[in-house]
PDB file of N, CA and C in Angstrom:
ATOM      1  N   MET A   1      -9.143  23.950  13.531  1.00  0.00           N
ATOM      2  CA  MET A   1      -7.953  23.348  12.947  1.00  0.00           C
ATOM      3  C   MET A   1      -7.770  21.921  13.445  1.00  0.00           C
ATOM      4  N   GLY A   2      -8.151  21.666  14.699  1.00  0.00           N
ATOM      5  CA  GLY A   2      -8.014  20.331  15.262  1.00  0.00           C
ATOM      6  C   GLY A   2      -8.852  19.300  14.530  1.00  0.00           C
ATOM      7  N   LEU A   3     -10.037  19.709  14.075  1.00  0.00           N
ATOM      8  CA  LEU A   3     -10.913  18.793  13.345  1.00  0.00           C
ATOM      9  C   LEU A   3     -10.303  18.417  11.998  1.00  0.00           C
ATOM     10  N   VAL A   4      -9.711  19.391  11.327  1.00  0.00           N
ATOM     11  CA  VAL A   4      -9.087  19.127  10.024  1.00  0.00           C
ATOM     12  C   VAL A   4      -7.935  18.141  10.182  1.00  0.00           C
ATOM     13  N   LEU A   5      -7.090  18.358  11.198  1.00  0.00           N
ATOM     14  CA  LEU A   5      -5.969  17.450  11.431  1.00  0.00           C
ATOM     15  C   LEU A   5      -6.449  16.055  11.808  1.00  0.00           C
ATOM     16  N   ALA A   6      -7.548  15.975  12.551  1.00  0.00           N
ATOM     17  CA  ALA A   6      -8.103  14.672  12.913  1.00  0.00           C
ATOM     18  C   ALA A   6      -8.606  13.942  11.667  1.00  0.00           C
ATOM     19  N   ILE A   7      -9.224  14.657  10.763  1.00  0.00           N
ATOM     20  CA  ILE A   7      -9.719  14.042   9.522  1.00  0.00           C
ATOM     21  C   ILE A   7      -8.551  13.595   8.648  1.00  0.00           C
ATOM     22  N   VAL A   8      -7.521  14.441   8.541  1.00  0.00           N
ATOM     23  CA  VAL A   8      -6.338  14.075   7.767  1.00  0.00           C
ATOM     24  C   VAL A   8      -5.685  12.831   8.361  1.00  0.00           C
ATOM     25  N   SER A   9      -5.567  12.794   9.694  1.00  0.00           N
ATOM     26  CA  SER A   9      -4.980  11.637  10.360  1.00  0.00           C
ATOM     27  C   SER A   9      -5.800  10.375  10.107  1.00  0.00           C
ATOM     28  N   LEU A  10      -7.121  10.500  10.120  1.00  0.00           N
ATOM     29  CA  LEU A  10      -7.992   9.353   9.856  1.00  0.00           C
ATOM     30  C   LEU A  10      -7.828   8.857   8.422  1.00  0.00           C
ATOM     31  N   VAL A  11      -7.753   9.773   7.478  1.00  0.00           N
ATOM     32  CA  VAL A  11      -7.565   9.387   6.073  1.00  0.00           C
ATOM     33  C   VAL A  11      -6.221   8.687   5.897  1.00  0.00           C
ATOM     34  N   LEU A  12      -5.186   9.218   6.528  1.00  0.00           N
ATOM     35  CA  LEU A  12      -3.871   8.579   6.439  1.00  0.00           C
ATOM     36  C   LEU A  12      -3.880   7.202   7.086  1.00  0.00           C
ATOM     37  N   LEU A  13      -4.611   7.049   8.175  1.00  0.00           N
ATOM     38  CA  LEU A  13      -4.742   5.736   8.807  1.00  0.00           C
ATOM     39  C   LEU A  13      -5.427   4.750   7.867  1.00  0.00           C
ATOM     40  N   LEU A  14      -6.466   5.199   7.182  1.00  0.00           N
ATOM     41  CA  LEU A  14      -7.150   4.322   6.224  1.00  0.00           C
ATOM     42  C   LEU A  14      -6.217   3.926   5.083  1.00  0.00           C
ATOM     43  N   VAL A  15      -5.381   4.852   4.635  1.00  0.00           N
ATOM     44  CA  VAL A  15      -4.409   4.528   3.579  1.00  0.00           C
ATOM     45  C   VAL A  15      -3.410   3.501   4.100  1.00  0.00           C
ATOM     46  N   GLN A  16      -2.978   3.656   5.348  1.00  0.00           N
ATOM     47  CA  GLN A  16      -2.065   2.673   5.943  1.00  0.00           C
ATOM     48  C   GLN A  16      -2.706   1.286   5.969  1.00  0.00           C
ATOM     49  N   VAL A  17      -3.961   1.226   6.368  1.00  0.00           N
ATOM     50  CA  VAL A  17      -4.665  -0.060   6.418  1.00  0.00           C
ATOM     51  C   VAL A  17      -4.765  -0.660   5.021  1.00  0.00           C
ATOM     52  N   LEU A  18      -5.043   0.177   4.021  1.00  0.00           N
ATOM     53  CA  LEU A  18      -5.110  -0.325   2.643  1.00  0.00           C
ATOM     54  C   LEU A  18      -3.746  -0.805   2.154  1.00  0.00           C
ATOM     55  N   LEU A  19      -2.679  -0.126   2.543  1.00  0.00           N
ATOM     56  CA  LEU A  19      -1.338  -0.581   2.162  1.00  0.00           C
ATOM     57  C   LEU A  19      -1.009  -1.925   2.814  1.00  0.00           C
ATOM     58  N   ILE A  20      -1.404  -2.099   4.062  1.00  0.00           N
ATOM     59  CA  ILE A  20      -1.188  -3.390   4.733  1.00  0.00           C
ATOM     60  C   ILE A  20      -2.011  -4.468   4.053  1.00  0.00           C
ATOM     61  N   ALA A  21      -3.257  -4.139   3.693  1.00  0.00           N
ATOM     62  CA  ALA A  21      -4.104  -5.108   2.980  1.00  0.00           C
ATOM     63  C   ALA A  21      -3.467  -5.477   1.644  1.00  0.00           C
ATOM     64  N   ARG A  22      -2.878  -4.495   0.968  1.00  0.00           N
ATOM     65  CA  ARG A  22      -2.205  -4.779  -0.308  1.00  0.00           C
ATOM     66  C   ARG A  22      -1.052  -5.745  -0.101  1.00  0.00           C
ATOM     67  N   ALA A  23      -0.260  -5.518   0.938  1.00  0.00           N
ATOM     68  CA  ALA A  23       0.871  -6.405   1.216  1.00  0.00           C
ATOM     69  C   ALA A  23       0.389  -7.822   1.503  1.00  0.00           C
ATOM     70  N   VAL A  24      -0.657  -7.948   2.301  1.00  0.00           N
ATOM     71  CA  VAL A  24      -1.192  -9.270   2.639  1.00  0.00           C
ATOM     72  C   VAL A  24      -1.739  -9.958   1.392  1.00  0.00           C
ATOM     73  N   LEU A  25      -2.470  -9.221   0.574  1.00  0.00           N
ATOM     74  CA  LEU A  25      -3.027  -9.815  -0.645  1.00  0.00           C
ATOM     75  C   LEU A  25      -1.925 -10.194  -1.638  1.00  0.00           C
ATOM     76  N   ASP A  26      -0.879  -9.382  -1.721  1.00  0.00           N
ATOM     77  CA  ASP A  26       0.239  -9.736  -2.608  1.00  0.00           C
ATOM     78  C   ASP A  26       0.947 -10.997  -2.107  1.00  0.00           C
ATOM     79  N   TRP A  27       1.108 -11.115  -0.809  1.00  0.00           N
ATOM     80  CA  TRP A  27       1.729 -12.320  -0.257  1.00  0.00           C
ATOM     81  C   TRP A  27       0.821 -13.534  -0.418  1.00  0.00           C
ATOM     82  N   SER A  28      -0.492 -13.320  -0.415  1.00  0.00           N
ATOM     83  CA  SER A  28      -1.400 -14.463  -0.582  1.00  0.00           C
ATOM     84  C   SER A  28      -1.223 -15.097  -1.954  1.00  0.00           C
ATOM     85  N   VAL A  29      -0.847 -14.303  -2.947  1.00  0.00           N
ATOM     86  CA  VAL A  29      -0.586 -14.856  -4.277  1.00  0.00           C
ATOM     87  C   VAL A  29       0.655 -15.738  -4.225  1.00  0.00           C
ATOM     88  N   ALA A  30       1.668 -15.290  -3.492  1.00  0.00           N
ATOM     89  CA  ALA A  30       2.902 -16.071  -3.390  1.00  0.00           C
ATOM     90  C   ALA A  30       2.682 -17.362  -2.606  1.00  0.00           C
ATOM     91  N   LEU A  31       1.806 -17.314  -1.618  1.00  0.00           N
ATOM     92  CA  LEU A  31       1.613 -18.479  -0.757  1.00  0.00           C
ATOM     93  C   LEU A  31       0.512 -19.423  -1.242  1.00  0.00           C
ATOM     94  N   ALA A  32      -0.554 -18.874  -1.808  1.00  0.00           N
ATOM     95  CA  ALA A  32      -1.694 -19.705  -2.188  1.00  0.00           C
ATOM     96  C   ALA A  32      -1.909 -19.790  -3.690  1.00  0.00           C
ATOM     97  N   GLY A  33      -1.113 -19.074  -4.450  1.00  0.00           N
ATOM     98  CA  GLY A  33      -1.287 -19.085  -5.895  1.00  0.00           C
ATOM     99  C   GLY A  33      -2.243 -17.989  -6.324  1.00  0.00           C
ATOM    100  N   PRO A  34      -2.337 -17.790  -7.622  1.00  0.00           N
ATOM    101  CA  PRO A  34      -3.216 -16.727  -8.131  1.00  0.00           C
ATOM    102  C   PRO A  34      -4.677 -16.999  -7.792  1.00  0.00           C
ATOM    103  N   ALA A  35      -5.412 -15.919  -7.589  1.00  0.00           N
ATOM    104  CA  ALA A  35      -6.834 -16.037  -7.275  1.00  0.00           C
ATOM    105  C   ALA A  35      -7.615 -16.332  -8.550  1.00  0.00           C
ATOM    106  N   ALA A  36      -8.684 -17.078  -8.394  1.00  0.00           N
ATOM    107  CA  ALA A  36      -9.561 -17.379  -9.523  1.00  0.00           C
ATOM    108  C   ALA A  36     -10.282 -16.101  -9.956  1.00  0.00           C
ATOM    109  N   TYR A  37     -10.492 -15.959 -11.237  1.00  0.00           N
ATOM    110  CA  TYR A  37     -11.158 -14.774 -11.765  1.00  0.00           C
ATOM    111  C   TYR A  37     -12.544 -14.635 -11.143  1.00  0.00           C
ATOM    112  N   GLY A  38     -12.856 -13.464 -10.626  1.00  0.00           N
ATOM    113  CA  GLY A  38     -14.166 -13.197 -10.047  1.00  0.00           C
ATOM    114  C   GLY A  38     -14.292 -13.591  -8.591  1.00  0.00           C
ATOM    115  N   SER A  39     -13.257 -14.192  -8.018  1.00  0.00           N
ATOM    116  CA  SER A  39     -13.331 -14.591  -6.612  1.00  0.00           C
ATOM    117  C   SER A  39     -13.239 -13.356  -5.717  1.00  0.00           C
ATOM    118  N   VAL A  40     -13.562 -13.549  -4.458  1.00  0.00           N
ATOM    119  CA  VAL A  40     -13.516 -12.445  -3.501  1.00  0.00           C
ATOM    120  C   VAL A  40     -12.093 -11.895  -3.407  1.00  0.00           C
ATOM    121  N   ARG A  41     -11.121 -12.787  -3.371  1.00  0.00           N
ATOM    122  CA  ARG A  41      -9.730 -12.343  -3.252  1.00  0.00           C
ATOM    123  C   ARG A  41      -9.298 -11.535  -4.466  1.00  0.00           C
ATOM    124  N   SER A  42      -9.707 -11.952  -5.664  1.00  0.00           N
ATOM    125  CA  SER A  42      -9.302 -11.204  -6.859  1.00  0.00           C
ATOM    126  C   SER A  42      -9.989  -9.840  -6.903  1.00  0.00           C
ATOM    127  N   ARG A  43     -11.242  -9.762  -6.456  1.00  0.00           N
ATOM    128  CA  ARG A  43     -11.934  -8.472  -6.428  1.00  0.00           C
ATOM    129  C   ARG A  43     -11.348  -7.555  -5.371  1.00  0.00           C
ATOM    130  N   LEU A  44     -10.996  -8.114  -4.206  1.00  0.00           N
ATOM    131  CA  LEU A  44     -10.351  -7.317  -3.161  1.00  0.00           C
ATOM    132  C   LEU A  44      -9.002  -6.789  -3.648  1.00  0.00           C
ATOM    133  N   THR A  45      -8.234  -7.664  -4.284  1.00  0.00           N
ATOM    134  CA  THR A  45      -6.925  -7.267  -4.793  1.00  0.00           C
ATOM    135  C   THR A  45      -7.065  -6.146  -5.818  1.00  0.00           C
ATOM    136  N   ALA A  46      -8.006  -6.278  -6.726  1.00  0.00           N
ATOM    137  CA  ALA A  46      -8.214  -5.245  -7.748  1.00  0.00           C
ATOM    138  C   ALA A  46      -8.626  -3.921  -7.105  1.00  0.00           C
ATOM    139  N   GLY A  47      -9.499  -3.981  -6.123  1.00  0.00           N
ATOM    140  CA  GLY A  47      -9.944  -2.753  -5.456  1.00  0.00           C
ATOM    141  C   GLY A  47      -8.835  -2.075  -4.676  1.00  0.00           C
ATOM    142  N   VAL A  48      -8.069  -2.863  -3.927  1.00  0.00           N
ATOM    143  CA  VAL A  48      -6.975  -2.294  -3.137  1.00  0.00           C
ATOM    144  C   VAL A  48      -5.895  -1.732  -4.059  1.00  0.00           C
ATOM    145  N   HIS A  49      -5.590  -2.426  -5.152  1.00  0.00           N
ATOM    146  CA  HIS A  49      -4.594  -1.925  -6.095  1.00  0.00           C
ATOM    147  C   HIS A  49      -5.074  -0.635  -6.753  1.00  0.00           C
ATOM    148  N   ALA A  50      -6.367  -0.541  -7.058  1.00  0.00           N
ATOM    149  CA  ALA A  50      -6.901   0.658  -7.689  1.00  0.00           C
ATOM    150  C   ALA A  50      -6.760   1.876  -6.780  1.00  0.00           C
ATOM    151  N   VAL A  51      -6.867   1.679  -5.472  1.00  0.00           N
ATOM    152  CA  VAL A  51      -6.773   2.795  -4.530  1.00  0.00           C
ATOM    153  C   VAL A  51      -5.320   3.142  -4.208  1.00  0.00           C
ATOM    154  N   THR A  52      -4.479   2.139  -4.051  1.00  0.00           N
ATOM    155  CA  THR A  52      -3.107   2.391  -3.598  1.00  0.00           C
ATOM    156  C   THR A  52      -2.113   2.674  -4.727  1.00  0.00           C
ATOM    157  N   GLU A  53      -2.378   2.198  -5.911  1.00  0.00           N
ATOM    158  CA  GLU A  53      -1.422   2.376  -7.014  1.00  0.00           C
ATOM    159  C   GLU A  53      -1.169   3.842  -7.366  1.00  0.00           C
ATOM    160  N   PRO A  54      -2.181   4.730  -7.335  1.00  0.00           N
ATOM    161  CA  PRO A  54      -1.880   6.146  -7.616  1.00  0.00           C
ATOM    162  C   PRO A  54      -0.907   6.767  -6.610  1.00  0.00           C
ATOM    163  N   LEU A  55      -0.826   6.226  -5.416  1.00  0.00           N
ATOM    164  CA  LEU A  55       0.140   6.712  -4.430  1.00  0.00           C
ATOM    165  C   LEU A  55       1.524   6.119  -4.651  1.00  0.00           C
ATOM    166  N   LEU A  56       1.571   4.859  -5.056  1.00  0.00           N
ATOM    167  CA  LEU A  56       2.842   4.155  -5.184  1.00  0.00           C
ATOM    168  C   LEU A  56       3.535   4.400  -6.525  1.00  0.00           C
ATOM    169  N   ALA A  57       2.778   4.570  -7.589  1.00  0.00           N
ATOM    170  CA  ALA A  57       3.363   4.675  -8.931  1.00  0.00           C
ATOM    171  C   ALA A  57       4.344   5.844  -9.078  1.00  0.00           C
ATOM    172  N   PRO A  58       4.020   7.050  -8.608  1.00  0.00           N
ATOM    173  CA  PRO A  58       5.000   8.138  -8.762  1.00  0.00           C
ATOM    174  C   PRO A  58       6.306   7.875  -8.004  1.00  0.00           C
ATOM    175  N   VAL A  59       6.202   7.285  -6.833  1.00  0.00           N
ATOM    176  CA  VAL A  59       7.401   6.967  -6.049  1.00  0.00           C
ATOM    177  C   VAL A  59       8.176   5.848  -6.739  1.00  0.00           C
ATOM    178  N   ARG A  60       7.466   4.881  -7.302  1.00  0.00           N
ATOM    179  CA  ARG A  60       8.115   3.756  -7.980  1.00  0.00           C
ATOM    180  C   ARG A  60       8.866   4.207  -9.232  1.00  0.00           C
ATOM    181  N   ARG A  61       8.392   5.293  -9.884  1.00  0.00           N
ATOM    182  CA  ARG A  61       9.113   5.826 -11.051  1.00  0.00           C
ATOM    183  C   ARG A  61      10.468   6.387 -10.639  1.00  0.00           C
ATOM    184  N   VAL A  62      10.520   7.001  -9.457  1.00  0.00           N
ATOM    185  CA  VAL A  62      11.773   7.570  -8.958  1.00  0.00           C
ATOM    186  C   VAL A  62      12.634   6.503  -8.301  1.00  0.00           C
ATOM    187  N   LEU A  63      12.010   5.570  -7.607  1.00  0.00           N
ATOM    188  CA  LEU A  63      12.707   4.560  -6.824  1.00  0.00           C
ATOM    189  C   LEU A  63      12.194   3.176  -7.232  1.00  0.00           C
ATOM    190  N   PRO A  64      12.787   2.571  -8.265  1.00  0.00           N
ATOM    191  CA  PRO A  64      12.287   1.284  -8.755  1.00  0.00           C
ATOM    192  C   PRO A  64      12.522   0.162  -7.735  1.00  0.00           C
ATOM    193  N   PRO A  65      11.798  -0.947  -7.892  1.00  0.00           N
ATOM    194  CA  PRO A  65      11.996  -2.085  -6.976  1.00  0.00           C
ATOM    195  C   PRO A  65      13.443  -2.570  -6.996  1.00  0.00           C
ATOM    196  N   LEU A  66      13.912  -2.975  -5.848  1.00  0.00           N
ATOM    197  CA  LEU A  66      15.273  -3.485  -5.687  1.00  0.00           C
ATOM    198  C   LEU A  66      15.270  -4.978  -6.009  1.00  0.00           C
ATOM    199  N   ARG A  67      16.005  -5.367  -7.041  1.00  0.00           N
ATOM    200  CA  ARG A  67      16.045  -6.765  -7.468  1.00  0.00           C
ATOM    201  C   ARG A  67      17.195  -7.481  -6.771  1.00  0.00           C
ATOM    202  N   MET A  68      16.863  -8.624  -6.170  1.00  0.00           N
ATOM    203  CA  MET A  68      17.878  -9.472  -5.544  1.00  0.00           C
ATOM    204  C   MET A  68      17.590 -10.909  -5.973  1.00  0.00           C
ATOM    205  N   GLY A  69      18.234 -11.329  -7.053  1.00  0.00           N
ATOM    206  CA  GLY A  69      17.962 -12.656  -7.592  1.00  0.00           C
ATOM    207  C   GLY A  69      16.565 -12.693  -8.176  1.00  0.00           C
ATOM    208  N   GLY A  70      15.765 -13.640  -7.714  1.00  0.00           N
ATOM    209  CA  GLY A  70      14.394 -13.776  -8.198  1.00  0.00           C
ATOM    210  C   GLY A  70      13.387 -13.002  -7.380  1.00  0.00           C
ATOM    211  N   VAL A  71      13.866 -12.192  -6.443  1.00  0.00           N
ATOM    212  CA  VAL A  71      12.984 -11.447  -5.536  1.00  0.00           C
ATOM    213  C   VAL A  71      13.154  -9.959  -5.793  1.00  0.00           C
ATOM    214  N   ALA A  72      12.050  -9.221  -5.742  1.00  0.00           N
ATOM    215  CA  ALA A  72      12.100  -7.769  -5.868  1.00  0.00           C
ATOM    216  C   ALA A  72      11.446  -7.152  -4.635  1.00  0.00           C
ATOM    217  N   ILE A  73      12.143  -6.216  -4.017  1.00  0.00           N
ATOM    218  CA  ILE A  73      11.608  -5.524  -2.854  1.00  0.00           C
ATOM    219  C   ILE A  73      11.080  -4.176  -3.327  1.00  0.00           C
ATOM    220  N   ASP A  74       9.792  -3.931  -3.084  1.00  0.00           N
ATOM    221  CA  ASP A  74       9.153  -2.693  -3.519  1.00  0.00           C
ATOM    222  C   ASP A  74       9.509  -1.576  -2.548  1.00  0.00           C
ATOM    223  N   LEU A  75      10.507  -0.800  -2.899  1.00  0.00           N
ATOM    224  CA  LEU A  75      10.951   0.285  -2.045  1.00  0.00           C
ATOM    225  C   LEU A  75       9.921   1.403  -1.976  1.00  0.00           C
ATOM    226  N   ALA A  76       9.126   1.579  -3.021  1.00  0.00           N
ATOM    227  CA  ALA A  76       8.093   2.609  -3.026  1.00  0.00           C
ATOM    228  C   ALA A  76       7.082   2.351  -1.914  1.00  0.00           C
ATOM    229  N   PHE A  77       6.709   1.103  -1.720  1.00  0.00           N
ATOM    230  CA  PHE A  77       5.772   0.740  -0.655  1.00  0.00           C
ATOM    231  C   PHE A  77       6.335   1.152   0.695  1.00  0.00           C
ATOM    232  N   ILE A  78       7.609   0.835   0.928  1.00  0.00           N
ATOM    233  CA  ILE A  78       8.242   1.135   2.207  1.00  0.00           C
ATOM    234  C   ILE A  78       8.327   2.649   2.415  1.00  0.00           C
ATOM    235  N   VAL A  79       8.713   3.387   1.388  1.00  0.00           N
ATOM    236  CA  VAL A  79       8.846   4.836   1.496  1.00  0.00           C
ATOM    237  C   VAL A  79       7.497   5.493   1.778  1.00  0.00           C
ATOM    238  N   VAL A  80       6.457   5.107   1.046  1.00  0.00           N
ATOM    239  CA  VAL A  80       5.129   5.695   1.249  1.00  0.00           C
ATOM    240  C   VAL A  80       4.602   5.350   2.634  1.00  0.00           C
ATOM    241  N   PHE A  81       4.750   4.100   3.055  1.00  0.00           N
ATOM    242  CA  PHE A  81       4.258   3.697   4.367  1.00  0.00           C
ATOM    243  C   PHE A  81       4.972   4.477   5.469  1.00  0.00           C
ATOM    244  N   LEU A  82       6.292   4.567   5.394  1.00  0.00           N
ATOM    245  CA  LEU A  82       7.036   5.309   6.415  1.00  0.00           C
ATOM    246  C   LEU A  82       6.712   6.796   6.386  1.00  0.00           C
ATOM    247  N   ALA A  83       6.503   7.363   5.223  1.00  0.00           N
ATOM    248  CA  ALA A  83       6.123   8.774   5.124  1.00  0.00           C
ATOM    249  C   ALA A  83       4.783   9.019   5.816  1.00  0.00           C
ATOM    250  N   ILE A  84       3.847   8.103   5.627  1.00  0.00           N
ATOM    251  CA  ILE A  84       2.544   8.245   6.291  1.00  0.00           C
ATOM    252  C   ILE A  84       2.693   8.135   7.798  1.00  0.00           C
ATOM    253  N   VAL A  85       3.514   7.195   8.259  1.00  0.00           N
ATOM    254  CA  VAL A  85       3.744   7.048   9.702  1.00  0.00           C
ATOM    255  C   VAL A  85       4.327   8.338  10.269  1.00  0.00           C
ATOM    256  N   ILE A  86       5.311   8.920   9.583  1.00  0.00           N
ATOM    257  CA  ILE A  86       5.946  10.146  10.061  1.00  0.00           C
ATOM    258  C   ILE A  86       4.969  11.314  10.055  1.00  0.00           C
ATOM    259  N   ILE A  87       4.200  11.456   8.985  1.00  0.00           N
ATOM    260  CA  ILE A  87       3.228  12.547   8.913  1.00  0.00           C
ATOM    261  C   ILE A  87       2.182  12.418  10.016  1.00  0.00           C
ATOM    262  N   ARG A  88       1.689  11.194  10.245  1.00  0.00           N
ATOM    263  CA  ARG A  88       0.696  10.999  11.313  1.00  0.00           C
ATOM    264  C   ARG A  88       1.293  11.311  12.671  1.00  0.00           C
ATOM    265  N   TYR A  89       2.560  10.995  12.867  1.00  0.00           N
ATOM    266  CA  TYR A  89       3.232  11.302  14.140  1.00  0.00           C
ATOM    267  C   TYR A  89       3.347  12.818  14.332  1.00  0.00           C
ATOM    268  N   LEU A  90       3.697  13.526  13.247  1.00  0.00           N
ATOM    269  CA  LEU A  90       3.896  14.972  13.344  1.00  0.00           C
ATOM    270  C   LEU A  90       2.593  15.722  13.562  1.00  0.00           C
ATOM    271  N   ILE A  91       1.484  15.265  12.970  1.00  0.00           N
ATOM    272  CA  ILE A  91       0.215  15.971  13.147  1.00  0.00           C
ATOM    273  C   ILE A  91      -0.563  15.481  14.349  1.00  0.00           C
ATOM    274  N   GLY A  92      -0.182  14.336  14.892  1.00  0.00           N
ATOM    275  CA  GLY A  92      -0.943  13.716  15.976  1.00  0.00           C
ATOM    276  C   GLY A  92      -0.541  14.190  17.305  1.00  0.00           C
TER     277      GLY A  92
END
């Protein structure tokens, strides 16, 4: 049973890292502008979004982004990230 929990914890850690990468890549668009088509940044962004979006989309349907003027805070990202932190704490 310990091996299974260790594997689950490792997978959740990888998802956390991908969520952090998604946040950094999303902020890079705000700070550096959109990535050129075919660039490393655009391919990384597409890959990270392809992996993380299936986790975020169901939560985002229930909990839409919070709009404050011209800024939207993605509450789904925060909820999923915190849920992973809590689950890793409970199994670890």
